[in-house]
Amino acid sequence: MDYEVPPEINSGRMYAGLGSASLMDSAAAWQALSAQLGSAGAAFQAVIEALTSTAWLGPSSMTMALAAAPYVVWMIATAEQCQAAAAAAAAAAAAFEAARAGVVPPPVIAENRAQLAALVATNFMGFNTPAIMANEAHYAQMWSQVVTVSFIREVFEVMRVTPQHTYQILTKRSLRLARVADKLDWPPNVWVGVSVEDSKALARIDHLRNVPSAVRFLSCEPLLGPLEGLNLDQIDWVIAGGESGPNYRPMQGDWVRGIRDTCRYFGVAFFFKQWGGRTPKAMGRVLDGQTWNQMPSVSAALV
């Protein structure tokens, strides 16, 4: 797959053609041939043993056994090769299906693009702007979904060989993070977090808990609502902050205080980034007379 082209191109490539059916048929055929050769080889071997170990033992039986032995060796070796070919074909089919499962089906992408066109065409007075943003966010997820585990491993290897840097990975796609986490080798300089902007996103934290990262953190920025029921078990760091920009949505003080108090209860480092406003620094970053710059203890997180 090409990671520099739109997802509909990769999706079209993966869904074109016959799929993995021919590979599975090939695997079945190789498996059947392996079984036949193995059975024939075992039968020949039994005959040879009879010729050389029973009443048939003699010069003639030895001659026949020596003549048949190379064929037995060939059949057994070829049966093993056929078995290997069957396994390779099955593995190729499984790899193809895994890759296809990692891309968005073409109808889903087409529906997304058609919806965007309709929203843009009817966006009078900007009323459709939030829906357009949500549509584009969904499309952006389609881009990320086509990235394979092997490519991610290459990125992780780059991070591993540059230990002088600390890498903070942040994602909203927590379910995929949970699915690939155990397939990766996590260097100690790689931290991972999920965005938790309101209570609807709390499920992302459950996906994060068991990721074997040196530091697991939450980015509650922009904080758009209270995080009632926040559970920080196995979380090392929480960053909170308000939204900034011309159309920012104000953050309530009780929302961020609730997060801070929960961090205190769980013994989790808390970093308050900003109140937000038309500009990031418009309202400062002091919370109840204090700036909160706590950082996680990496040694503690690794225990």
Protein backbone atom coordinates (compact mmCIF):
# COMPACT_ATOMS: atom_id res chain seq x y z
CA MET A 1 0.00 0.00 0.00
CA ASP A 2 1.03 3.59 -0.65
CA TYR A 3 0.67 5.80 2.44
CA GLU A 4 0.90 9.02 0.44
CA VAL A 5 -2.29 8.53 -1.56
CA PRO A 6 -5.91 9.01 -0.43
CA PRO A 7 -7.51 6.04 1.36
CA GLU A 8 -9.95 5.42 -1.49
CA ILE A 9 -7.01 4.46 -3.75
CA ASN A 10 -5.56 1.95 -1.31
CA SER A 11 -9.05 0.66 -0.59
CA GLY A 12 -9.79 0.23 -4.29
CA ARG A 13 -6.55 -1.67 -4.79
CA MET A 14 -7.21 -4.03 -1.87
CA TYR A 15 -10.82 -4.75 -2.83
CA ALA A 16 -10.13 -5.21 -6.56
CA GLY A 17 -9.58 -8.69 -7.96
CA LEU A 18 -10.39 -12.10 -6.57
CA GLY A 19 -9.02 -11.60 -3.08
CA SER A 20 -7.48 -14.47 -1.14
CA ALA A 21 -9.67 -17.26 -2.55
CA SER A 22 -7.07 -18.42 -5.08
CA LEU A 23 -4.38 -18.50 -2.39
CA MET A 24 -6.58 -20.60 -0.12
CA ASP A 25 -7.34 -22.97 -3.03
CA SER A 26 -3.62 -23.25 -3.68
CA ALA A 27 -2.94 -23.98 -0.02
CA ALA A 28 -5.58 -26.71 -0.03
CA ALA A 29 -4.13 -28.26 -3.20
CA TRP A 30 -0.57 -28.27 -1.83
CA GLN A 31 -1.85 -29.75 1.42
CA ALA A 32 -3.65 -32.55 -0.43
CA LEU A 33 -0.58 -33.31 -2.55
CA SER A 34 1.58 -33.38 0.58
CA ALA A 35 -0.78 -35.87 2.19
CA GLN A 36 -0.75 -38.12 -0.89
CA LEU A 37 3.04 -38.10 -1.19
CA GLY A 38 3.45 -38.67 2.52
CA SER A 39 1.07 -41.61 2.42
CA ALA A 40 2.82 -43.12 -0.60
CA GLY A 41 6.21 -42.62 0.98
CA ALA A 42 5.07 -44.32 4.16
CA ALA A 43 3.71 -47.26 2.15
CA PHE A 44 6.98 -47.66 0.23
CA GLN A 45 8.92 -47.44 3.48
CA ALA A 46 6.80 -50.23 4.95
CA VAL A 47 7.51 -52.44 1.92
CA ILE A 48 11.24 -51.79 2.20
CA GLU A 49 11.21 -52.68 5.87
CA ALA A 50 9.38 -55.90 5.06
CA LEU A 51 11.92 -56.79 2.38
CA THR A 52 14.86 -56.26 4.67
CA SER A 53 13.63 -57.55 8.01
CA THR A 54 11.44 -60.63 7.43
CA ALA A 55 11.60 -63.95 5.66
CA TRP A 56 12.06 -62.11 2.36
CA LEU A 57 15.55 -61.03 3.44
CA GLY A 58 18.14 -61.99 0.87
CA PRO A 59 20.24 -60.64 -2.00
CA SER A 60 17.22 -59.96 -4.21
CA SER A 61 15.28 -58.19 -1.47
CA MET A 62 18.29 -56.03 -0.64
CA THR A 63 18.65 -55.08 -4.30
CA MET A 64 14.99 -54.14 -4.52
CA ALA A 65 15.19 -52.17 -1.27
CA LEU A 66 18.23 -50.23 -2.44
CA ALA A 67 16.48 -49.45 -5.73
CA ALA A 68 13.31 -48.20 -4.01
CA ALA A 69 15.00 -46.25 -1.19
CA PRO A 70 15.78 -43.08 -3.27
CA TYR A 71 12.14 -42.84 -4.31
CA VAL A 72 11.04 -43.05 -0.69
CA VAL A 73 13.45 -40.30 0.28
CA TRP A 74 12.21 -38.17 -2.62
CA MET A 75 8.54 -38.66 -1.77
CA ILE A 76 9.03 -37.83 1.90
CA ALA A 77 11.15 -34.75 1.11
CA THR A 78 8.71 -33.57 -1.55
CA ALA A 79 5.79 -34.07 0.83
CA GLU A 80 7.55 -31.79 3.33
CA GLN A 81 8.14 -29.20 0.60
CA CYS A 82 4.47 -29.36 -0.41
CA GLN A 83 3.52 -28.88 3.23
CA ALA A 84 5.75 -25.81 3.39
CA ALA A 85 4.20 -24.45 0.18
CA ALA A 86 0.71 -24.99 1.65
CA ALA A 87 1.70 -23.13 4.82
CA ALA A 88 3.19 -20.27 2.78
CA ALA A 89 0.04 -19.94 0.65
CA ALA A 90 -2.15 -19.98 3.76
CA ALA A 91 0.07 -17.36 5.43
CA ALA A 92 -0.11 -15.17 2.31
CA ALA A 93 -3.89 -15.45 2.30
CA ALA A 94 -4.05 -14.55 5.99
CA ALA A 95 -1.72 -11.59 5.44
CA PHE A 96 -3.88 -10.36 2.59
CA GLU A 97 -7.05 -10.63 4.66
CA ALA A 98 -5.37 -8.81 7.54
CA ALA A 99 -4.26 -6.03 5.20
CA ARG A 100 -7.71 -5.76 3.65
CA ALA A 101 -9.28 -5.63 7.09
CA GLY A 102 -7.03 -2.66 7.79
CA VAL A 103 -8.49 -0.51 5.03
CA VAL A 104 -11.89 1.09 4.86
CA PRO A 105 -14.31 -0.54 2.37
CA PRO A 106 -14.86 1.59 -0.77
CA PRO A 107 -18.61 2.15 -0.14
CA VAL A 108 -17.87 3.67 3.27
CA ILE A 109 -15.35 6.10 1.77
CA ALA A 110 -17.72 6.98 -1.08
CA GLU A 111 -20.51 7.68 1.38
CA ASN A 112 -18.23 9.95 3.40
CA ARG A 113 -17.15 11.95 0.34
CA ALA A 114 -20.73 12.25 -0.92
CA GLN A 115 -21.84 13.49 2.48
CA LEU A 116 -19.06 16.08 2.47
CA ALA A 117 -20.07 17.34 -0.96
CA ALA A 118 -23.68 17.70 0.18
CA LEU A 119 -22.68 19.51 3.37
CA VAL A 120 -20.42 21.94 1.51
CA ALA A 121 -23.07 22.63 -1.11
CA THR A 122 -25.65 23.52 1.55
CA ASN A 123 -23.36 25.29 4.01
CA PHE A 124 -25.29 28.55 4.06
CA MET A 125 -24.19 30.98 6.78
CA GLY A 126 -21.76 28.32 8.05
CA PHE A 127 -24.47 26.22 9.69
CA ASN A 128 -22.92 22.99 8.39
CA THR A 129 -19.40 23.81 9.55
CA PRO A 130 -19.45 21.51 12.64
CA ALA A 131 -20.80 18.64 10.53
CA ILE A 132 -18.14 19.29 7.88
CA MET A 133 -15.43 19.20 10.55
CA ALA A 134 -16.79 15.91 11.90
CA ASN A 135 -16.91 14.47 8.39
CA GLU A 136 -13.32 15.46 7.69
CA ALA A 137 -12.23 14.02 11.05
CA HIS A 138 -13.83 10.72 10.07
CA TYR A 139 -12.03 10.85 6.73
CA ALA A 140 -8.75 11.53 8.53
CA GLN A 141 -9.26 8.33 10.51
CA MET A 142 -9.50 6.48 7.22
CA TRP A 143 -6.01 7.74 6.36
CA SER A 144 -4.55 6.42 9.61
CA GLN A 145 -6.27 3.06 9.35
CA VAL A 146 -4.25 1.98 6.32
CA VAL A 147 -0.94 2.23 8.17
CA THR A 148 0.32 -1.33 8.73
CA VAL A 149 1.98 -2.74 11.84
CA SER A 150 5.21 -3.28 9.90
CA PHE A 151 5.36 0.42 9.06
CA ILE A 152 4.68 1.33 12.71
CA ARG A 153 7.50 -0.99 13.75
CA GLU A 154 9.87 0.91 11.47
CA VAL A 155 8.85 4.17 13.17
CA PHE A 156 9.37 2.59 16.60
CA GLU A 157 12.82 1.42 15.57
CA VAL A 158 13.76 5.00 14.68
CA MET A 159 12.59 6.12 18.12
CA ARG A 160 14.49 3.28 19.78
CA VAL A 161 17.83 4.23 18.20
CA THR A 162 17.41 7.89 19.22
CA PRO A 163 17.18 7.56 23.03
CA GLN A 164 18.30 11.18 23.48
CA HIS A 165 14.73 12.19 22.56
CA THR A 166 11.47 11.52 24.38
CA TYR A 167 8.60 10.81 21.99
CA GLN A 168 5.04 11.55 23.06
CA ILE A 169 2.47 9.79 20.87
CA LEU A 170 -1.10 11.06 21.15
CA THR A 171 -4.10 9.47 19.46
CA LYS A 172 -7.87 9.41 19.44
CA ARG A 173 -7.83 5.96 17.85
CA SER A 174 -7.39 4.15 21.14
CA LEU A 175 -8.95 0.88 20.01
CA ARG A 176 -6.39 0.43 17.27
CA LEU A 177 -3.66 1.37 19.76
CA ALA A 178 -4.82 -1.44 22.04
CA ARG A 179 -4.90 -3.91 19.14
CA VAL A 180 -1.36 -3.25 17.93
CA ALA A 181 0.34 -2.52 21.28
CA ASP A 182 1.45 -6.09 21.96
CA LYS A 183 2.90 -6.35 18.45
CA LEU A 184 5.39 -3.56 19.12
CA ASP A 185 8.65 -3.30 21.05
CA TRP A 186 8.20 -0.26 23.32
CA PRO A 187 11.43 1.66 24.04
CA PRO A 188 11.57 3.55 27.36
CA ASN A 189 11.71 6.91 25.56
CA VAL A 190 8.28 6.42 23.97
CA TRP A 191 5.25 7.74 25.87
CA VAL A 192 1.72 7.23 24.63
CA GLY A 193 -1.53 9.01 25.40
CA VAL A 194 -5.12 9.38 24.31
CA SER A 195 -7.29 12.45 23.88
CA VAL A 196 -10.14 12.68 26.39
CA GLU A 197 -12.08 15.86 25.71
CA ASP A 198 -15.34 14.92 27.45
CA SER A 199 -17.09 12.01 29.15
CA LYS A 200 -17.96 10.43 25.79
CA ALA A 201 -14.25 9.69 25.32
CA LEU A 202 -13.65 7.96 28.68
CA ALA A 203 -13.62 4.53 27.01
CA ARG A 204 -10.33 5.47 25.37
CA ILE A 205 -8.68 5.30 28.79
CA ASP A 206 -9.59 1.63 29.15
CA HIS A 207 -7.86 0.94 25.84
CA LEU A 208 -4.76 2.76 27.07
CA ARG A 209 -4.33 1.09 30.47
CA ASN A 210 -2.54 -2.06 29.37
CA VAL A 211 -0.35 -0.53 26.68
CA PRO A 212 3.25 -1.34 27.75
CA SER A 213 4.53 2.22 27.41
CA ALA A 214 6.97 3.82 29.85
CA VAL A 215 4.39 6.56 30.43
CA ARG A 216 0.65 6.48 29.74
CA PHE A 217 -0.97 9.90 29.68
CA LEU A 218 -4.24 11.68 28.97
CA SER A 219 -4.59 14.88 26.99
CA CYS A 220 -7.78 16.54 28.22
CA GLU A 221 -7.39 19.45 25.85
CA PRO A 222 -9.50 21.03 24.69
CA LEU A 223 -11.62 20.09 27.68
CA LEU A 224 -15.21 20.36 26.50
CA GLY A 225 -17.09 18.91 29.45
CA PRO A 226 -16.77 17.28 32.88
CA LEU A 227 -15.10 13.88 33.14
CA GLU A 228 -17.45 12.27 35.61
CA GLY A 229 -16.33 8.82 36.72
CA LEU A 230 -12.72 9.40 35.65
CA ASN A 231 -10.59 6.39 36.61
CA LEU A 232 -6.83 6.99 36.51
CA ASP A 233 -5.73 3.51 37.48
CA GLN A 234 -2.48 2.67 35.56
CA ILE A 235 -2.32 6.24 34.17
CA ASP A 236 0.84 8.25 34.86
CA TRP A 237 0.11 11.79 33.69
CA VAL A 238 -2.81 14.04 32.85
CA ILE A 239 -2.64 17.24 30.80
CA ALA A 240 -5.66 19.54 30.85
CA GLY A 241 -6.46 22.79 29.10
CA GLY A 242 -9.12 24.90 27.48
CA GLU A 243 -9.76 25.49 23.81
CA SER A 244 -8.25 28.46 21.99
CA GLY A 245 -9.15 30.20 18.75
CA PRO A 246 -11.73 32.66 17.41
CA ASN A 247 -14.63 30.28 18.06
CA TYR A 248 -13.31 28.69 21.26
CA ARG A 249 -15.71 26.97 23.62
CA PRO A 250 -15.16 28.15 27.21
CA MET A 251 -14.01 25.63 29.80
CA GLN A 252 -15.69 25.56 33.21
CA GLY A 253 -13.45 25.77 36.27
CA ASP A 254 -15.17 22.84 37.97
CA TRP A 255 -14.31 20.59 35.05
CA VAL A 256 -10.57 21.05 35.41
CA ARG A 257 -10.71 21.08 39.22
CA GLY A 258 -12.42 17.72 39.09
CA ILE A 259 -9.55 16.34 37.02
CA ARG A 260 -6.94 17.85 39.33
CA ASP A 261 -8.60 16.39 42.42
CA THR A 262 -8.85 12.97 40.77
CA CYS A 263 -5.14 13.13 39.97
CA ARG A 264 -4.44 13.85 43.62
CA TYR A 265 -6.54 10.89 44.69
CA PHE A 266 -4.75 8.47 42.34
CA GLY A 267 -1.31 10.02 42.83
CA VAL A 268 -1.05 10.98 39.16
CA ALA A 269 1.00 13.92 37.86
CA PHE A 270 -1.18 16.85 36.73
CA PHE A 271 -0.22 19.52 34.20
CA PHE A 272 -2.57 22.45 33.58
CA LYS A 273 -1.70 23.97 30.23
CA GLN A 274 -4.09 26.90 29.77
CA TRP A 275 -7.55 28.29 30.28
CA GLY A 276 -7.84 29.01 26.58
CA GLY A 277 -9.55 31.90 24.85
CA ARG A 278 -9.14 33.70 21.55
CA THR A 279 -5.40 33.05 21.93
CA PRO A 280 -3.71 30.29 23.95
CA LYS A 281 -2.32 32.74 26.51
CA ALA A 282 -5.37 34.98 26.70
CA MET A 283 -6.53 33.78 30.12
CA GLY A 284 -3.27 32.44 31.48
CA ARG A 285 -2.70 29.08 33.14
CA VAL A 286 -3.08 29.72 36.86
CA LEU A 287 -5.54 27.43 38.62
CA ASP A 288 -6.60 28.40 42.14
CA GLY A 289 -3.54 30.59 42.57
CA GLN A 290 -1.06 27.98 41.40
CA THR A 291 0.57 26.81 38.18
CA TRP A 292 0.52 23.07 37.77
CA ASN A 293 3.62 21.74 35.99
CA GLN A 294 3.82 18.22 37.37
CA MET A 295 5.59 15.64 35.21
CA PRO A 296 5.42 11.85 35.43
CA SER A 297 8.11 9.81 37.11
CA VAL A 298 9.40 7.56 34.37
CA SER A 299 11.15 5.20 36.80
CA ALA A 300 7.91 4.73 38.73
CA ALA A 301 5.95 4.18 35.54
CA LEU A 302 8.33 1.40 34.47
CA VAL A 303 7.85 -0.56 37.69
